[in-house]
């Protein structure tokens, strides 16, 4: 992931549907504005499939993924995302 992106995109997840997450990431990659980085944080989804949904997109160095080892809840998951920001625009 590049360090100097102007925009950080945060994607907190919990048991996401493959089609929704795929469409969101494909749309992000097709934007004409390219100076961004995306951080996907999974809140210990019990289905265990989120990483496999995201895997095809991780070849893009602007996209990173992390799975929490324990459930944080909606606020904790968002905060885990916010801690990864460095861009002036989130």
N, C-alpha and C. Protein backbone atom coordinates (compact mmCIF):
# COMPACT_ATOMS: atom_id res chain seq x y z
N UNK A 1 0.85 -1.17 0.00
CA UNK A 1 0.00 0.00 0.00
C UNK A 1 0.89 1.23 0.00
N UNK A 2 0.58 2.17 -0.85
CA UNK A 2 1.39 3.38 -0.91
C UNK A 2 1.17 4.20 0.34
N UNK A 3 2.21 4.94 0.77
CA UNK A 3 2.12 5.69 2.01
C UNK A 3 1.60 7.10 1.83
N UNK A 4 1.61 7.63 0.64
CA UNK A 4 1.31 9.03 0.45
C UNK A 4 -0.02 9.29 -0.26
N UNK A 5 -0.97 8.41 -0.13
CA UNK A 5 -2.26 8.60 -0.78
C UNK A 5 -2.96 9.83 -0.22
N UNK A 6 -3.72 10.50 -1.06
CA UNK A 6 -4.48 11.68 -0.62
C UNK A 6 -5.79 11.28 0.04
N UNK A 7 -6.29 10.07 -0.28
CA UNK A 7 -7.58 9.63 0.26
C UNK A 7 -7.43 8.22 0.81
N UNK A 8 -7.92 8.04 2.04
CA UNK A 8 -7.99 6.70 2.63
C UNK A 8 -9.46 6.26 2.62
N UNK A 9 -9.69 5.05 2.17
CA UNK A 9 -11.04 4.48 2.13
C UNK A 9 -11.08 3.35 3.15
N UNK A 10 -12.02 3.44 4.08
CA UNK A 10 -12.12 2.45 5.15
C UNK A 10 -13.32 1.56 4.90
N UNK A 11 -13.09 0.25 4.98
CA UNK A 11 -14.15 -0.72 4.73
C UNK A 11 -14.21 -1.70 5.89
N UNK A 12 -14.96 -1.36 6.95
CA UNK A 12 -15.14 -2.32 8.03
C UNK A 12 -16.15 -3.37 7.59
N UNK A 13 -15.87 -4.63 7.88
CA UNK A 13 -16.78 -5.70 7.46
C UNK A 13 -17.11 -6.64 8.62
N UNK A 14 -18.24 -7.30 8.49
CA UNK A 14 -18.64 -8.39 9.37
C UNK A 14 -19.61 -9.26 8.58
N UNK A 15 -19.21 -10.46 8.28
CA UNK A 15 -20.01 -11.38 7.46
C UNK A 15 -20.54 -10.73 6.19
N UNK A 16 -19.67 -10.11 5.39
CA UNK A 16 -20.16 -9.46 4.18
C UNK A 16 -20.61 -10.48 3.14
N UNK A 17 -21.51 -10.05 2.28
CA UNK A 17 -21.89 -10.87 1.13
C UNK A 17 -20.83 -10.68 0.06
N UNK A 18 -20.39 -11.77 -0.53
CA UNK A 18 -19.34 -11.71 -1.55
C UNK A 18 -19.68 -10.71 -2.66
N UNK A 19 -20.91 -10.77 -3.16
CA UNK A 19 -21.26 -9.91 -4.28
C UNK A 19 -21.20 -8.43 -3.90
N UNK A 20 -21.56 -8.08 -2.69
CA UNK A 20 -21.52 -6.67 -2.28
C UNK A 20 -20.08 -6.18 -2.14
N UNK A 21 -19.25 -6.96 -1.49
CA UNK A 21 -17.86 -6.57 -1.30
C UNK A 21 -17.12 -6.53 -2.64
N UNK A 22 -17.39 -7.49 -3.49
CA UNK A 22 -16.75 -7.52 -4.81
C UNK A 22 -17.13 -6.30 -5.64
N UNK A 23 -18.40 -5.97 -5.67
CA UNK A 23 -18.85 -4.81 -6.44
C UNK A 23 -18.23 -3.53 -5.89
N UNK A 24 -18.16 -3.41 -4.56
CA UNK A 24 -17.56 -2.21 -3.95
C UNK A 24 -16.09 -2.08 -4.33
N UNK A 25 -15.34 -3.16 -4.28
CA UNK A 25 -13.91 -3.09 -4.59
C UNK A 25 -13.67 -2.89 -6.09
N UNK A 26 -14.47 -3.52 -6.92
CA UNK A 26 -14.34 -3.31 -8.37
C UNK A 26 -14.64 -1.86 -8.71
N UNK A 27 -15.67 -1.31 -8.10
CA UNK A 27 -16.03 0.09 -8.34
C UNK A 27 -14.90 1.02 -7.91
N UNK A 28 -14.32 0.73 -6.78
CA UNK A 28 -13.22 1.54 -6.27
C UNK A 28 -12.05 1.54 -7.25
N UNK A 29 -11.70 0.38 -7.76
CA UNK A 29 -10.58 0.28 -8.69
C UNK A 29 -10.86 0.97 -10.03
N UNK A 30 -12.11 1.13 -10.39
CA UNK A 30 -12.47 1.75 -11.67
C UNK A 30 -12.60 3.27 -11.59
N UNK A 31 -12.43 3.84 -10.42
CA UNK A 31 -12.54 5.29 -10.29
C UNK A 31 -11.46 5.98 -11.12
N UNK A 32 -11.79 7.14 -11.66
CA UNK A 32 -10.78 7.89 -12.42
C UNK A 32 -9.75 8.51 -11.48
N UNK A 33 -10.16 8.87 -10.27
CA UNK A 33 -9.22 9.35 -9.26
C UNK A 33 -8.52 8.12 -8.67
N UNK A 34 -7.21 8.09 -8.76
CA UNK A 34 -6.47 6.89 -8.38
C UNK A 34 -5.57 7.06 -7.16
N UNK A 35 -5.54 8.26 -6.58
CA UNK A 35 -4.63 8.53 -5.46
C UNK A 35 -5.31 8.18 -4.14
N UNK A 36 -5.54 6.91 -3.93
CA UNK A 36 -6.23 6.43 -2.73
C UNK A 36 -5.58 5.14 -2.25
N UNK A 37 -5.91 4.79 -1.01
CA UNK A 37 -5.59 3.47 -0.49
C UNK A 37 -6.81 3.01 0.30
N UNK A 38 -7.04 1.72 0.31
CA UNK A 38 -8.21 1.16 0.99
C UNK A 38 -7.75 0.16 2.04
N UNK A 39 -8.42 0.23 3.18
CA UNK A 39 -8.13 -0.70 4.27
C UNK A 39 -9.42 -1.43 4.62
N UNK A 40 -9.40 -2.74 4.48
CA UNK A 40 -10.55 -3.58 4.80
C UNK A 40 -10.24 -4.26 6.13
N UNK A 41 -11.12 -4.07 7.10
CA UNK A 41 -10.92 -4.69 8.41
C UNK A 41 -12.13 -5.56 8.72
N UNK A 42 -11.89 -6.85 8.87
CA UNK A 42 -12.97 -7.78 9.17
C UNK A 42 -13.05 -7.99 10.68
N UNK A 43 -14.27 -7.87 11.21
CA UNK A 43 -14.49 -7.95 12.65
C UNK A 43 -14.73 -9.40 13.10
N UNK A 44 -13.75 -10.24 12.79
CA UNK A 44 -13.76 -11.65 13.23
C UNK A 44 -15.05 -12.36 12.79
N UNK A 45 -15.39 -12.20 11.52
CA UNK A 45 -16.59 -12.83 10.97
C UNK A 45 -16.55 -14.34 11.20
N UNK A 46 -17.62 -14.90 11.75
CA UNK A 46 -17.63 -16.34 12.00
C UNK A 46 -17.66 -17.18 10.72
N UNK A 47 -18.09 -16.59 9.59
CA UNK A 47 -18.14 -17.38 8.36
C UNK A 47 -16.74 -17.66 7.82
N UNK A 48 -15.75 -16.86 8.22
CA UNK A 48 -14.37 -17.09 7.81
C UNK A 48 -14.10 -16.93 6.33
N UNK A 49 -15.02 -16.34 5.58
CA UNK A 49 -14.87 -16.25 4.13
C UNK A 49 -14.42 -14.88 3.63
N UNK A 50 -14.42 -13.88 4.47
CA UNK A 50 -14.12 -12.52 4.02
C UNK A 50 -12.77 -12.44 3.32
N UNK A 51 -11.75 -13.04 3.90
CA UNK A 51 -10.42 -12.97 3.29
C UNK A 51 -10.41 -13.60 1.90
N UNK A 52 -11.13 -14.69 1.70
CA UNK A 52 -11.18 -15.30 0.37
C UNK A 52 -11.90 -14.39 -0.63
N UNK A 53 -12.89 -13.62 -0.15
CA UNK A 53 -13.58 -12.67 -1.03
C UNK A 53 -12.63 -11.56 -1.48
N UNK A 54 -11.78 -11.13 -0.56
CA UNK A 54 -10.89 -9.99 -0.79
C UNK A 54 -9.61 -10.39 -1.53
N UNK A 55 -9.20 -11.64 -1.39
CA UNK A 55 -7.92 -12.11 -1.92
C UNK A 55 -7.62 -11.67 -3.36
N UNK A 56 -8.55 -11.77 -4.30
CA UNK A 56 -8.23 -11.36 -5.67
C UNK A 56 -7.86 -9.88 -5.80
N UNK A 57 -8.26 -9.06 -4.85
CA UNK A 57 -7.99 -7.63 -4.91
C UNK A 57 -6.69 -7.23 -4.23
N UNK A 58 -6.11 -8.13 -3.48
CA UNK A 58 -4.90 -7.80 -2.72
C UNK A 58 -3.66 -7.69 -3.59
N UNK A 59 -3.76 -8.04 -4.86
CA UNK A 59 -2.63 -7.80 -5.77
C UNK A 59 -2.49 -6.31 -6.06
N UNK A 60 -3.53 -5.54 -5.79
CA UNK A 60 -3.47 -4.08 -5.91
C UNK A 60 -2.81 -3.56 -4.63
N UNK A 61 -1.63 -2.96 -4.72
CA UNK A 61 -0.91 -2.53 -3.51
C UNK A 61 -1.64 -1.46 -2.70
N UNK A 62 -2.67 -0.88 -3.26
CA UNK A 62 -3.43 0.14 -2.53
C UNK A 62 -4.46 -0.47 -1.60
N UNK A 63 -4.69 -1.77 -1.70
CA UNK A 63 -5.71 -2.44 -0.90
C UNK A 63 -5.05 -3.37 0.10
N UNK A 64 -5.42 -3.22 1.37
CA UNK A 64 -4.92 -4.13 2.40
C UNK A 64 -6.10 -4.70 3.19
N UNK A 65 -5.84 -5.83 3.82
CA UNK A 65 -6.87 -6.53 4.57
C UNK A 65 -6.30 -7.01 5.89
N UNK A 66 -7.12 -6.92 6.93
CA UNK A 66 -6.74 -7.47 8.23
C UNK A 66 -8.00 -8.04 8.88
N UNK A 67 -7.86 -9.18 9.53
CA UNK A 67 -8.97 -9.77 10.27
C UNK A 67 -8.66 -9.65 11.76
N UNK A 68 -9.60 -9.11 12.50
CA UNK A 68 -9.44 -8.99 13.94
C UNK A 68 -9.44 -10.38 14.57
N UNK A 69 -8.57 -10.63 15.55
CA UNK A 69 -8.56 -11.93 16.21
C UNK A 69 -9.75 -12.12 17.16
N UNK A 70 -10.42 -11.01 17.49
CA UNK A 70 -11.59 -11.09 18.37
C UNK A 70 -12.62 -10.06 17.94
N UNK A 71 -13.86 -10.31 18.26
CA UNK A 71 -14.96 -9.42 17.88
C UNK A 71 -14.82 -8.09 18.62
N UNK A 72 -14.86 -6.99 17.86
CA UNK A 72 -14.72 -5.65 18.41
C UNK A 72 -16.05 -4.90 18.47
N UNK A 73 -17.03 -5.35 17.70
CA UNK A 73 -18.28 -4.62 17.59
C UNK A 73 -18.15 -3.51 16.56
N UNK A 74 -19.27 -2.90 16.22
CA UNK A 74 -19.28 -1.92 15.13
C UNK A 74 -18.35 -0.73 15.41
N UNK A 75 -18.38 -0.21 16.64
CA UNK A 75 -17.53 0.92 16.98
C UNK A 75 -16.06 0.54 17.00
N UNK A 76 -15.75 -0.59 17.59
CA UNK A 76 -14.37 -1.05 17.65
C UNK A 76 -13.80 -1.36 16.28
N UNK A 77 -14.64 -1.93 15.41
CA UNK A 77 -14.21 -2.23 14.05
C UNK A 77 -13.91 -0.94 13.29
N UNK A 78 -14.78 0.04 13.44
CA UNK A 78 -14.55 1.34 12.79
C UNK A 78 -13.26 1.97 13.33
N UNK A 79 -13.08 1.93 14.65
CA UNK A 79 -11.88 2.51 15.24
C UNK A 79 -10.62 1.80 14.74
N UNK A 80 -10.69 0.49 14.56
CA UNK A 80 -9.54 -0.26 14.02
C UNK A 80 -9.21 0.24 12.62
N UNK A 81 -10.23 0.59 11.85
CA UNK A 81 -10.00 1.16 10.52
C UNK A 81 -9.37 2.54 10.61
N UNK A 82 -9.94 3.39 11.46
CA UNK A 82 -9.46 4.76 11.59
C UNK A 82 -7.98 4.81 12.02
N UNK A 83 -7.58 3.86 12.82
CA UNK A 83 -6.17 3.82 13.25
C UNK A 83 -5.21 3.60 12.09
N UNK A 84 -5.70 3.14 10.96
CA UNK A 84 -4.86 2.87 9.80
C UNK A 84 -4.74 4.07 8.86
N UNK A 85 -5.43 5.16 9.18
CA UNK A 85 -5.44 6.30 8.26
C UNK A 85 -4.20 7.15 8.38
N UNK A 86 -3.81 7.73 7.27
CA UNK A 86 -2.70 8.69 7.25
C UNK A 86 -2.94 9.78 6.22
N UNK A 87 -3.97 9.62 5.41
CA UNK A 87 -4.25 10.60 4.36
C UNK A 87 -5.03 11.79 4.94
N UNK A 88 -4.97 12.92 4.26
CA UNK A 88 -5.71 14.09 4.74
C UNK A 88 -7.23 13.95 4.57
N UNK A 89 -7.66 13.03 3.71
CA UNK A 89 -9.09 12.82 3.46
C UNK A 89 -9.42 11.36 3.73
N UNK A 90 -10.46 11.13 4.52
CA UNK A 90 -10.90 9.77 4.82
C UNK A 90 -12.32 9.63 4.34
